[in-house]
Amino acid sequence: MSSFLRSLPFLGRRALAGLALVLTAPLAGAQKSVIIDHVVEDGDVYFDIEARDYPVRGLMESLCREAGLGLVGFEDVDDSPPVTVYLRHRPLHVVVEYVLGAAGLSGTLGADRLEVTALKPPFPDRERCLQAAEIGYLTALQRFPDGSEALEARERLAEIAVDRGQPEKAARHYELLAEALVDRQAQLAAHMQAGLLLVELEDWERAMPHFQLIGNTQLDKGTSLDEVELVALARRELARCILMRGESRRALYMLEGLGQVVEPLSPEDAAQRLMLFARAKIGLGEYEEALEDLDRIARGKRQYIDELEGMDLRARALEASGHPVEAAVAWLHFSRGKSKEVQREAFVRAAEVALSAEGEELGVMFLHRQAQAVGLGDALQPYLNEARSRLGLDATTFTGGTPSQRLRLAQRLASTGASEQALRKLQSLERDFRALPASQRLAYAKTYAPLLESQESVGAAVAVLREVVMTLESVENRTQLYLLAGEIYERNNQFAAAAAAYGGEL
């Protein structure tokens, strides 16, 4: 057994097995036995223990005799489960913690005795176990950097960092591992892990050398399938890094070359390649072709991509090709049925696109109402404020613009349900509507009267119709307003007045 391995707290093949040296399950066919020895080095005492399916109380009694300590506390413990232990060159406090911990016990070391107690909640959680494993491996690497198990310890450290959600730390461990490995396949695998973690961090520059080293491998008929897949993945990810740096044409050439050499390895690989093709084509202004690639993904490979990334590319292609309204609508449809976090992002992106399009301020107001309906109105409040400002809806006066401009805005506001704002615009036209052409006077009356009916009174609505009808020469135009007046009366159960209006009397 190497000095390096002896220095490590036992850690299994995977990270969470890091504290599992002490096993409560018996070994098949093993005989109950225990061997305990110790050695003194520079004044420190280190223990070697081997025990197979041995009762923990008997094991601790033997250990305390070897260490010259008294043992108390087992009289208060209900059970003495068997444990299987294999420890080498460990200090006493580590031995006590591991052995007792495997049996659900804990111990306190004094100057002349060990006191045993049952473990009580809270027990160590997963994060604390991972942290303890990491500390053990790092300590061993510091003491024995050239030990026979150093490479495996470095790999375990990388895995622990991944499990703890620390991609930057994990990438660095894989980089150090790649530098130390001699076996080519293992070295390439370490470079791949480092590169993928750096892609996750969007550190394109640092990821590229890892993929370049793998991707430069020459493929021939004798290349193993595993290596072909590794090289293909590296070339795809290298194209991604180059693309994200802004080199769309170079990335496109690389993806086309990859397709000629290695077919997609899986449906997921095919989807990822199509995503990169679409992104590259958007960068080159080939928007229709990009949308076709995205449609191919949507038809059968949607589950293999990040939905938000796919929607972002689609919206970018639509907006850049001169269809910002379609892009905003696409974001709105995408939001349905998604989580609150994704819905918030989708509404914000839709509002951004709508504000970038000339004359789509009302669309932003509509989006805000949709967001309010799902409890996300606050996310679009800044965009609503901007839209209202552009429309002049927050001004102290609503008389800005020509009468025709104010009428068109009022019609658009009314059509989107912004009744209050539409009403205020129309009120500003009460003194100016006679300057409008006959067709616009008719539109003014047909827009204003229903709003007054719902917001104020039937009398106010009919008064506007009566005032406008007197300015119209065309019998056809006047008839439209008589009919509208009759409908208003009828909706409000004023049937005699309705009959008169239908007969041409207001």
Protein backbone atom coordinates (compact mmCIF):
# COMPACT_ATOMS: atom_id res chain seq x y z
CA MET A 1 0.00 0.00 0.00
CA SER A 2 1.52 3.35 -1.04
CA SER A 3 2.13 6.14 1.46
CA PHE A 4 -0.16 8.31 -0.66
CA LEU A 5 -3.14 5.99 -0.36
CA ARG A 6 -2.55 5.51 3.34
CA SER A 7 -2.84 9.27 3.82
CA LEU A 8 -6.30 9.45 2.24
CA PRO A 9 -9.59 9.16 4.06
CA PHE A 10 -11.12 6.27 2.13
CA LEU A 11 -13.18 7.63 -0.76
CA GLY A 12 -15.05 5.39 -3.16
CA ARG A 13 -15.14 5.58 -6.93
CA ARG A 14 -17.71 8.34 -6.91
CA ALA A 15 -17.66 11.49 -4.84
CA LEU A 16 -20.46 10.70 -2.40
CA ALA A 17 -18.81 7.40 -1.54
CA GLY A 18 -16.00 9.54 -0.11
CA LEU A 19 -16.76 8.76 3.50
CA ALA A 20 -17.74 5.14 2.94
CA LEU A 21 -14.54 3.37 3.99
CA VAL A 22 -16.30 2.03 7.05
CA LEU A 23 -19.04 -0.33 5.90
CA THR A 24 -21.88 -1.62 8.03
CA ALA A 25 -22.69 -4.47 5.61
CA PRO A 26 -20.70 -7.70 6.17
CA LEU A 27 -18.44 -9.06 3.45
CA ALA A 28 -19.75 -12.25 1.86
CA GLY A 29 -18.04 -15.30 3.28
CA ALA A 30 -15.77 -13.26 5.58
CA GLN A 31 -14.84 -14.46 9.09
CA LYS A 32 -15.19 -12.19 12.08
CA SER A 33 -11.73 -10.90 12.98
CA VAL A 34 -9.89 -7.74 13.97
CA ILE A 35 -6.25 -6.63 13.64
CA ILE A 36 -5.07 -3.39 15.24
CA ASP A 37 -1.54 -1.99 15.20
CA HIS A 38 0.05 1.41 15.62
CA VAL A 39 3.29 3.24 14.87
CA VAL A 40 4.79 6.44 16.24
CA GLU A 41 6.28 8.92 13.73
CA ASP A 42 7.73 12.27 14.86
CA GLY A 43 5.72 12.04 18.05
CA ASP A 44 2.42 11.35 16.23
CA VAL A 45 0.60 8.02 16.57
CA TYR A 46 -0.90 6.35 13.49
CA PHE A 47 -3.13 3.26 13.49
CA ASP A 48 -3.66 0.36 11.09
CA ILE A 49 -6.96 -1.49 11.49
CA GLU A 50 -8.52 -4.44 9.71
CA ALA A 51 -11.89 -5.70 10.86
CA ARG A 52 -14.41 -7.94 9.12
CA ASP A 53 -18.02 -8.03 10.29
CA TYR A 54 -16.88 -7.24 13.82
CA PRO A 55 -19.11 -5.78 16.56
CA VAL A 56 -18.29 -2.12 16.96
CA ARG A 57 -18.12 -2.34 20.76
CA GLY A 58 -15.53 -5.10 20.69
CA LEU A 59 -13.55 -3.21 18.06
CA MET A 60 -13.50 -0.02 20.12
CA GLU A 61 -12.50 -1.94 23.25
CA SER A 62 -9.53 -3.42 21.39
CA LEU A 63 -8.63 0.00 19.96
CA CYS A 64 -8.74 1.69 23.37
CA ARG A 65 -6.53 -1.04 24.88
CA GLU A 66 -4.02 -0.46 22.06
CA ALA A 67 -4.17 3.30 22.64
CA GLY A 68 -4.06 3.06 26.44
CA LEU A 69 -7.47 4.68 26.90
CA GLY A 70 -10.53 3.91 28.94
CA LEU A 71 -13.88 3.38 27.19
CA VAL A 72 -17.21 4.63 28.48
CA GLY A 73 -20.68 5.14 27.04
CA PHE A 74 -21.50 1.78 25.47
CA GLU A 75 -23.65 0.93 28.46
CA ASP A 76 -26.07 3.59 27.22
CA VAL A 77 -26.05 2.39 23.59
CA ASP A 78 -28.84 0.02 22.59
CA ASP A 79 -27.00 -1.88 19.86
CA SER A 80 -23.49 -2.83 18.76
CA PRO A 81 -23.76 -3.39 15.00
CA PRO A 82 -20.98 -5.17 13.07
CA VAL A 83 -18.63 -3.06 10.96
CA THR A 84 -16.05 -3.83 8.30
CA VAL A 85 -13.02 -1.55 8.39
CA TYR A 86 -9.79 -1.21 6.45
CA LEU A 87 -7.67 1.74 7.58
CA ARG A 88 -3.99 2.41 7.11
CA HIS A 89 -1.78 4.95 8.86
CA ARG A 90 -4.57 7.08 10.30
CA PRO A 91 -4.48 9.27 13.42
CA LEU A 92 -6.65 8.13 16.32
CA HIS A 93 -9.30 10.85 15.97
CA VAL A 94 -9.88 9.89 12.32
CA VAL A 95 -10.18 6.21 13.21
CA VAL A 96 -12.68 6.98 15.96
CA GLU A 97 -14.79 9.21 13.71
CA TYR A 98 -14.93 6.69 10.86
CA VAL A 99 -15.58 3.56 12.88
CA LEU A 100 -18.18 5.02 15.22
CA GLY A 101 -19.81 7.02 12.44
CA ALA A 102 -20.42 3.80 10.46
CA ALA A 103 -22.37 2.44 13.41
CA GLY A 104 -24.42 5.59 13.95
CA LEU A 105 -22.32 6.63 16.92
CA SER A 106 -19.95 9.44 17.80
CA GLY A 107 -17.06 9.70 20.22
CA THR A 108 -15.28 12.32 22.30
CA LEU A 109 -11.58 11.77 22.96
CA GLY A 110 -10.26 12.88 26.34
CA ALA A 111 -6.78 12.72 27.83
CA ASP A 112 -7.34 9.23 29.21
CA ARG A 113 -10.59 7.91 27.78
CA LEU A 114 -13.01 7.74 24.86
CA GLU A 115 -16.67 8.55 25.54
CA VAL A 116 -19.17 7.05 23.10
CA THR A 117 -22.63 8.53 22.40
CA ALA A 118 -25.36 7.93 19.82
CA LEU A 119 -25.43 10.36 16.89
CA LYS A 120 -28.25 12.87 17.05
CA PRO A 121 -29.72 15.04 14.28
CA PRO A 122 -28.80 17.03 12.38
CA PHE A 123 -26.65 14.45 10.63
CA PRO A 124 -24.01 15.51 8.10
CA ASP A 125 -25.67 16.47 4.82
CA ARG A 126 -24.46 15.77 1.30
CA GLU A 127 -22.63 19.07 0.99
CA ARG A 128 -20.68 18.49 4.19
CA CYS A 129 -19.74 15.00 3.03
CA LEU A 130 -18.48 16.35 -0.29
CA GLN A 131 -16.54 19.06 1.49
CA ALA A 132 -14.92 16.52 3.82
CA ALA A 133 -13.98 14.33 0.86
CA GLU A 134 -12.46 17.31 -0.95
CA ILE A 135 -10.38 18.26 2.08
CA GLY A 136 -9.11 14.70 2.39
CA TYR A 137 -8.01 14.48 -1.24
CA LEU A 138 -6.38 17.93 -1.20
CA THR A 139 -4.46 17.05 1.96
CA ALA A 140 -3.21 13.84 0.40
CA LEU A 141 -2.14 15.64 -2.79
CA GLN A 142 -0.21 18.21 -0.80
CA ARG A 143 1.63 15.53 1.16
CA PHE A 144 2.23 13.14 -1.74
CA PRO A 145 1.97 15.06 -5.04
CA ASP A 146 3.81 12.29 -6.90
CA GLY A 147 2.10 9.36 -5.20
CA SER A 148 0.77 6.43 -7.19
CA GLU A 149 -2.83 7.48 -6.51
CA ALA A 150 -2.33 11.19 -7.21
CA LEU A 151 -4.00 11.10 -10.63
CA GLU A 152 -7.07 9.33 -9.33
CA ALA A 153 -7.27 11.82 -6.44
CA ARG A 154 -7.17 14.71 -8.93
CA GLU A 155 -9.97 13.12 -10.92
CA ARG A 156 -12.06 12.66 -7.78
CA LEU A 157 -11.49 16.33 -6.91
CA ALA A 158 -12.79 17.32 -10.34
CA GLU A 159 -15.89 15.16 -9.88
CA ILE A 160 -16.52 16.60 -6.43
CA ALA A 161 -16.29 20.15 -7.82
CA VAL A 162 -18.84 19.24 -10.51
CA ASP A 163 -21.15 17.76 -7.89
CA ARG A 164 -20.83 20.92 -5.80
CA GLY A 165 -21.72 23.15 -8.74
CA GLN A 166 -18.23 24.63 -9.11
CA PRO A 167 -17.45 24.34 -12.86
CA GLU A 168 -14.49 26.75 -12.73
CA LYS A 169 -12.75 24.69 -10.05
CA ALA A 170 -13.64 21.43 -11.82
CA ALA A 171 -12.22 22.70 -15.12
CA ARG A 172 -8.94 23.60 -13.44
CA HIS A 173 -8.66 20.12 -11.89
CA TYR A 174 -9.25 18.52 -15.30
CA GLU A 175 -6.62 20.79 -16.86
CA LEU A 176 -4.06 19.75 -14.25
CA LEU A 177 -5.07 16.13 -14.75
CA ALA A 178 -4.60 16.39 -18.51
CA GLU A 179 -1.09 17.80 -17.99
CA ALA A 180 -0.13 14.91 -15.72
CA LEU A 181 -1.67 11.97 -17.60
CA VAL A 182 0.47 9.80 -19.86
CA ASP A 183 -2.23 7.59 -21.37
CA ARG A 184 -3.43 9.35 -24.53
CA GLN A 185 -7.09 8.34 -24.32
CA ALA A 186 -7.37 9.40 -20.70
CA GLN A 187 -5.58 12.66 -21.50
CA LEU A 188 -8.00 13.46 -24.35
CA ALA A 189 -10.95 12.66 -22.09
CA ALA A 190 -9.63 15.08 -19.46
CA HIS A 191 -9.20 17.80 -22.09
CA MET A 192 -12.78 17.19 -23.23
CA GLN A 193 -14.15 17.50 -19.70
CA ALA A 194 -12.23 20.73 -19.14
CA GLY A 195 -13.42 22.16 -22.45
CA LEU A 196 -17.08 21.34 -21.84
CA LEU A 197 -16.98 22.93 -18.40
CA LEU A 198 -15.43 26.07 -19.87
CA VAL A 199 -18.17 26.17 -22.52
CA GLU A 200 -20.66 26.04 -19.67
CA LEU A 201 -18.87 29.09 -18.24
CA GLU A 202 -18.88 30.73 -21.72
CA ASP A 203 -15.10 31.06 -21.49
CA TRP A 204 -14.65 30.46 -25.22
CA GLU A 205 -10.99 31.49 -25.47
CA ARG A 206 -9.87 29.15 -22.72
CA ALA A 207 -11.99 26.26 -24.01
CA MET A 208 -10.68 26.39 -27.58
CA PRO A 209 -7.17 24.88 -27.02
CA HIS A 210 -8.71 21.82 -25.38
CA PHE A 211 -10.99 21.14 -28.36
CA GLN A 212 -8.23 21.97 -30.86
CA LEU A 213 -5.90 19.40 -29.30
CA ILE A 214 -8.56 16.69 -29.59
CA GLY A 215 -9.92 17.82 -32.95
CA ASN A 216 -6.51 17.75 -34.63
CA THR A 217 -6.51 13.94 -34.36
CA GLN A 218 -6.41 12.37 -37.81
CA LEU A 219 -9.23 9.90 -38.39
CA ASP A 220 -8.85 6.77 -40.52
CA LYS A 221 -10.37 3.32 -40.83
CA GLY A 222 -8.34 2.11 -37.86
CA THR A 223 -9.61 4.79 -35.48
CA SER A 224 -11.77 3.35 -32.72
CA LEU A 225 -15.41 4.36 -32.54
CA ASP A 226 -14.87 5.94 -29.12
CA GLU A 227 -12.10 8.16 -30.47
CA VAL A 228 -14.13 9.10 -33.55
CA GLU A 229 -16.97 10.25 -31.31
CA LEU A 230 -14.58 12.20 -29.09
CA VAL A 231 -13.01 13.97 -32.08
CA ALA A 232 -16.39 14.75 -33.64
CA LEU A 233 -17.65 16.25 -30.39
CA ALA A 234 -14.47 18.31 -30.01
CA ARG A 235 -14.76 19.70 -33.55
CA ARG A 236 -18.40 20.61 -32.97
CA GLU A 237 -17.59 22.40 -29.72
CA LEU A 238 -14.62 24.14 -31.32
CA ALA A 239 -17.01 25.47 -33.98
CA ARG A 240 -19.26 26.69 -31.17
CA CYS A 241 -16.41 28.58 -29.52
CA ILE A 242 -15.36 30.17 -32.81
CA LEU A 243 -18.97 31.09 -33.57
CA MET A 244 -19.50 32.68 -30.17
CA ARG A 245 -16.39 34.80 -30.76
CA GLY A 246 -18.16 36.28 -33.79
CA GLU A 247 -16.51 34.30 -36.61
CA SER A 248 -19.69 33.01 -38.25
CA ARG A 249 -18.28 32.10 -41.66
CA ARG A 250 -15.32 30.19 -40.26
CA ALA A 251 -17.63 28.28 -37.91
CA LEU A 252 -19.98 27.46 -40.79
CA TYR A 253 -17.13 26.01 -42.84
CA MET A 254 -16.01 23.91 -39.86
CA LEU A 255 -19.53 22.52 -39.33
CA GLU A 256 -19.88 21.69 -43.02
CA GLY A 257 -16.48 19.95 -42.93
CA LEU A 258 -17.48 17.99 -39.84
CA GLY A 259 -20.64 16.76 -41.55
CA GLN A 260 -18.61 15.49 -44.50
CA VAL A 261 -16.30 13.49 -42.25
CA VAL A 262 -18.57 12.24 -39.45
CA GLU A 263 -22.35 11.90 -39.59
CA PRO A 264 -24.26 13.07 -36.50
CA LEU A 265 -23.57 10.66 -33.68
CA SER A 266 -27.07 10.82 -32.22
CA PRO A 267 -30.32 12.79 -32.49
CA GLU A 268 -28.95 15.13 -29.82
CA ASP A 269 -25.75 15.71 -31.77
CA ALA A 270 -27.79 16.36 -34.92
CA ALA A 271 -29.93 18.92 -33.08
CA GLN A 272 -26.89 20.67 -31.62
CA ARG A 273 -25.25 20.89 -35.05
CA LEU A 274 -28.43 22.37 -36.53
CA MET A 275 -28.54 24.95 -33.74
CA LEU A 276 -24.97 25.98 -34.54
CA PHE A 277 -25.76 26.11 -38.26
CA ALA A 278 -28.74 28.39 -37.53
CA ARG A 279 -26.66 30.67 -35.31
CA ALA A 280 -23.92 30.90 -37.93
CA LYS A 281 -26.40 31.69 -40.71
CA ILE A 282 -28.00 34.43 -38.63
CA GLY A 283 -24.53 35.91 -38.20
CA LEU A 284 -24.11 35.84 -41.99
CA GLY A 285 -27.53 37.37 -42.72
CA GLU A 286 -28.99 34.14 -44.09
CA TYR A 287 -32.15 34.42 -42.02
CA GLU A 288 -34.51 32.26 -44.07
CA GLU A 289 -32.02 29.38 -44.11
CA ALA A 290 -31.56 29.75 -40.34
CA LEU A 291 -35.32 29.56 -39.80
CA GLU A 292 -35.43 26.41 -41.93
CA ASP A 293 -32.81 24.78 -39.68
CA LEU A 294 -34.80 25.76 -36.61
CA ASP A 295 -37.96 24.33 -38.18
CA ARG A 296 -36.13 21.03 -38.76
CA ILE A 297 -35.30 20.91 -35.06
CA ALA A 298 -38.87 21.74 -34.08
CA ARG A 299 -40.21 18.89 -36.22
CA GLY A 300 -38.40 16.11 -34.41
CA LYS A 301 -35.49 17.16 -32.23
CA ARG A 302 -36.99 19.80 -29.95
CA GLN A 303 -36.27 17.73 -26.83
CA TYR A 304 -32.53 17.77 -27.49
CA ILE A 305 -32.00 21.53 -27.33
CA ASP A 306 -32.43 24.30 -24.82
CA GLU A 307 -35.89 25.68 -25.65
CA LEU A 308 -34.99 29.21 -24.62
CA GLU A 309 -31.90 29.25 -26.81
CA GLY A 310 -33.92 27.94 -29.77
CA MET A 311 -36.60 30.59 -29.28
CA ASP A 312 -33.95 33.29 -28.98
CA LEU A 313 -32.44 32.29 -32.33
CA ARG A 314 -35.85 32.20 -34.00
CA ALA A 315 -36.76 35.65 -32.68
CA ARG A 316 -33.40 37.07 -33.74
CA ALA A 317 -33.84 35.69 -37.26
CA LEU A 318 -37.39 37.08 -37.53
CA GLU A 319 -36.43 40.50 -36.21
CA ALA A 320 -33.31 40.81 -38.34
CA SER A 321 -35.24 39.80 -41.47
CA GLY A 322 -37.69 42.66 -40.94
CA HIS A 323 -40.44 40.90 -38.97
CA PRO A 324 -40.17 42.23 -35.42
CA VAL A 325 -43.90 41.90 -34.75
CA GLU A 326 -43.76 38.20 -35.64
CA ALA A 327 -40.79 37.86 -33.30
CA ALA A 328 -42.72 39.45 -30.43
CA VAL A 329 -45.74 37.22 -31.11
CA ALA A 330 -43.46 34.16 -31.18
CA TRP A 331 -42.11 35.08 -27.74
CA LEU A 332 -45.68 35.49 -26.47
CA HIS A 333 -46.72 32.05 -27.74
CA PHE A 334 -43.52 30.54 -26.34
CA SER A 335 -44.35 31.83 -22.85
CA ARG A 336 -47.50 29.74 -22.53
CA GLY A 337 -47.25 26.82 -20.18
CA LYS A 338 -43.68 27.65 -19.11
CA SER A 339 -42.32 28.23 -15.62
CA LYS A 340 -42.56 31.72 -14.12
CA GLU A 341 -38.86 32.31 -14.71
CA VAL A 342 -39.09 31.40 -18.39
CA GLN A 343 -42.34 33.35 -18.80
CA ARG A 344 -40.70 36.45 -17.35
CA GLU A 345 -37.80 36.16 -19.79
CA ALA A 346 -40.17 35.59 -22.72
CA PHE A 347 -42.39 38.59 -21.92
CA VAL A 348 -39.37 40.86 -21.50
CA ARG A 349 -37.89 39.73 -24.81
CA ALA A 350 -41.24 40.23 -26.56
CA ALA A 351 -41.53 43.76 -25.17
CA GLU A 352 -37.98 44.60 -26.21
CA VAL A 353 -38.68 43.48 -29.77
CA ALA A 354 -41.99 45.33 -29.90
CA LEU A 355 -40.41 48.58 -28.70
CA SER A 356 -37.73 48.26 -31.36
CA ALA A 357 -40.42 48.29 -34.06
CA GLU A 358 -41.80 51.65 -35.11
CA GLY A 359 -45.43 52.17 -34.15
CA GLU A 360 -45.77 49.06 -31.95
CA GLU A 361 -46.21 50.88 -28.65
CA LEU A 362 -49.75 49.54 -28.39
CA GLY A 363 -48.36 46.04 -28.75
CA VAL A 364 -46.27 46.66 -25.65
CA MET A 365 -49.39 47.74 -23.77
CA PHE A 366 -51.10 44.53 -24.88
CA LEU A 367 -48.11 42.47 -23.74
CA HIS A 368 -48.22 44.19 -20.37
CA ARG A 369 -51.83 43.18 -19.87
CA GLN A 370 -50.98 39.59 -20.81
CA ALA A 371 -48.10 39.63 -18.32
CA GLN A 372 -50.37 41.05 -15.62
CA ALA A 373 -52.77 38.15 -16.15
CA VAL A 374 -50.05 35.69 -15.04
CA GLY A 375 -48.70 37.88 -12.25
CA LEU A 376 -45.71 39.26 -14.14
CA GLY A 377 -46.82 42.82 -14.86
CA ASP A 378 -43.87 44.22 -12.89
CA ALA A 379 -41.43 42.69 -15.39
CA LEU A 380 -42.87 44.80 -18.23
CA GLN A 381 -43.51 48.00 -16.28
CA PRO A 382 -40.40 49.80 -17.66
CA TYR A 383 -41.43 48.89 -21.22
CA LEU A 384 -45.01 50.01 -20.57
CA ASN A 385 -43.72 53.33 -19.25
CA GLU A 386 -41.64 53.84 -22.38
CA ALA A 387 -44.56 52.95 -24.65
CA ARG A 388 -46.91 55.33 -22.83
CA SER A 389 -44.33 58.09 -23.00
CA ARG A 390 -43.93 57.63 -26.76
CA LEU A 391 -47.70 57.77 -27.19
CA GLY A 392 -47.98 60.86 -25.04
CA LEU A 393 -50.35 59.11 -22.66
CA ASP A 394 -48.61 60.42 -19.57
CA ALA A 395 -48.61 64.03 -20.74
CA THR A 396 -50.70 66.68 -18.96
CA THR A 397 -52.48 67.40 -22.25
CA PHE A 398 -53.69 65.05 -24.97
CA THR A 399 -53.86 67.68 -27.71
CA GLY A 400 -50.44 66.96 -29.23
CA GLY A 401 -50.47 66.10 -32.94
CA THR A 402 -52.95 66.89 -35.68
CA PRO A 403 -56.62 65.90 -35.31
CA SER A 404 -56.08 63.04 -37.80
CA GLN A 405 -53.09 61.72 -35.85
CA ARG A 406 -54.99 61.87 -32.58
CA LEU A 407 -57.95 60.06 -34.13
CA ARG A 408 -55.77 57.23 -35.50
CA LEU A 409 -54.09 56.79 -32.12
CA ALA A 410 -57.47 56.77 -30.36
CA GLN A 411 -58.71 54.06 -32.73
CA ARG A 412 -55.62 51.93 -32.09
CA LEU A 413 -55.95 52.40 -28.34
CA ALA A 414 -59.61 51.42 -28.43
CA SER A 415 -58.89 48.34 -30.55
CA THR A 416 -56.39 47.05 -27.99
CA GLY A 417 -58.70 47.61 -25.04
CA ALA A 418 -56.98 50.75 -23.69
CA SER A 419 -60.36 52.41 -23.26
CA GLU A 420 -59.39 55.08 -20.77
CA GLN A 421 -56.50 56.35 -22.89
CA ALA A 422 -58.61 56.22 -26.07
CA LEU A 423 -61.38 58.20 -24.38
CA ARG A 424 -58.99 60.94 -23.33
CA LYS A 425 -57.63 61.24 -26.87
CA LEU A 426 -61.15 61.48 -28.30
CA GLN A 427 -62.17 64.07 -25.72
CA SER A 428 -59.32 66.23 -27.01
CA LEU A 429 -61.01 66.14 -30.45
CA GLU A 430 -64.41 67.45 -29.37
CA ARG A 431 -63.55 70.97 -30.51
CA ASP A 432 -61.48 69.89 -33.50
CA PHE A 433 -63.40 67.03 -35.14
CA ARG A 434 -65.11 69.36 -37.65
CA ALA A 435 -61.71 69.88 -39.31
CA LEU A 436 -61.59 66.18 -40.16
CA PRO A 437 -62.73 64.80 -43.54
CA ALA A 438 -66.21 63.26 -43.54
CA SER A 439 -64.89 59.69 -43.42
CA GLN A 440 -62.80 60.50 -40.35
CA ARG A 441 -65.70 62.35 -38.67
CA LEU A 442 -67.73 59.21 -39.13
CA ALA A 443 -64.89 57.12 -37.64
CA TYR A 444 -64.62 59.58 -34.74
CA ALA A 445 -68.31 59.18 -33.90
CA LYS A 446 -68.30 55.38 -34.29
CA THR A 447 -65.27 55.07 -31.99
CA TYR A 448 -66.23 57.72 -29.42
CA ALA A 449 -69.91 56.87 -28.86
CA PRO A 450 -69.48 53.24 -27.70
CA LEU A 451 -66.72 54.33 -25.31
CA LEU A 452 -68.95 57.02 -23.82
CA GLU A 453 -71.76 54.48 -23.51
CA SER A 454 -69.60 52.15 -21.44
CA GLN A 455 -67.62 54.75 -19.50
CA GLU A 456 -70.19 57.55 -18.96
CA SER A 457 -73.82 57.32 -20.14
CA VAL A 458 -76.16 56.62 -23.03
CA GLY A 459 -77.01 60.31 -23.18
CA ALA A 460 -73.38 61.32 -23.63
CA ALA A 461 -72.95 58.74 -26.41
CA VAL A 462 -76.04 59.85 -28.32
CA ALA A 463 -75.10 63.52 -27.91
CA VAL A 464 -71.85 62.89 -29.81
CA LEU A 465 -73.72 61.04 -32.56
CA ARG A 466 -76.26 63.85 -32.81
CA GLU A 467 -73.50 66.47 -33.08
CA VAL A 468 -71.56 64.58 -35.73
CA VAL A 469 -74.58 63.57 -37.84
CA MET A 470 -75.38 67.24 -38.37
CA THR A 471 -72.01 67.71 -40.11
CA LEU A 472 -72.48 64.84 -42.57
CA GLU A 473 -74.01 65.41 -45.99
CA SER A 474 -74.10 61.82 -47.18
CA VAL A 475 -77.34 60.00 -46.38
CA GLU A 476 -75.39 56.75 -46.18
CA ASN A 477 -73.02 58.15 -43.54
CA ARG A 478 -75.87 59.63 -41.50
CA THR A 479 -77.73 56.31 -41.68
CA GLN A 480 -74.73 54.50 -40.14
CA LEU A 481 -74.88 56.79 -37.12
CA TYR A 482 -78.69 56.46 -36.80
CA LEU A 483 -78.27 52.68 -36.74
CA LEU A 484 -75.48 52.93 -34.14
CA ALA A 485 -77.69 55.14 -31.95
CA GLY A 486 -80.53 52.62 -32.26
CA GLU A 487 -78.20 49.79 -31.16
CA ILE A 488 -77.04 51.80 -28.14
CA TYR A 489 -80.61 52.54 -27.09
CA GLU A 490 -81.64 48.92 -27.59
CA ARG A 491 -78.71 47.60 -25.51
CA ASN A 492 -79.90 49.81 -22.69
CA ASN A 493 -83.58 48.76 -22.97
CA GLN A 494 -84.74 52.15 -24.32
CA PHE A 495 -86.85 50.61 -27.07
CA ALA A 496 -88.99 53.63 -28.04
CA ALA A 497 -85.88 55.76 -28.51
CA ALA A 498 -84.29 52.91 -30.43
CA ALA A 499 -87.24 52.74 -32.83
CA ALA A 500 -87.04 56.48 -33.46
CA ALA A 501 -83.30 56.30 -34.12
CA TYR A 502 -83.73 53.45 -36.55
CA GLY A 503 -86.27 55.69 -38.30
CA GLY A 504 -83.73 58.53 -38.67
CA GLU A 505 -84.58 60.63 -35.60
CA LEU A 506 -82.11 61.54 -32.85
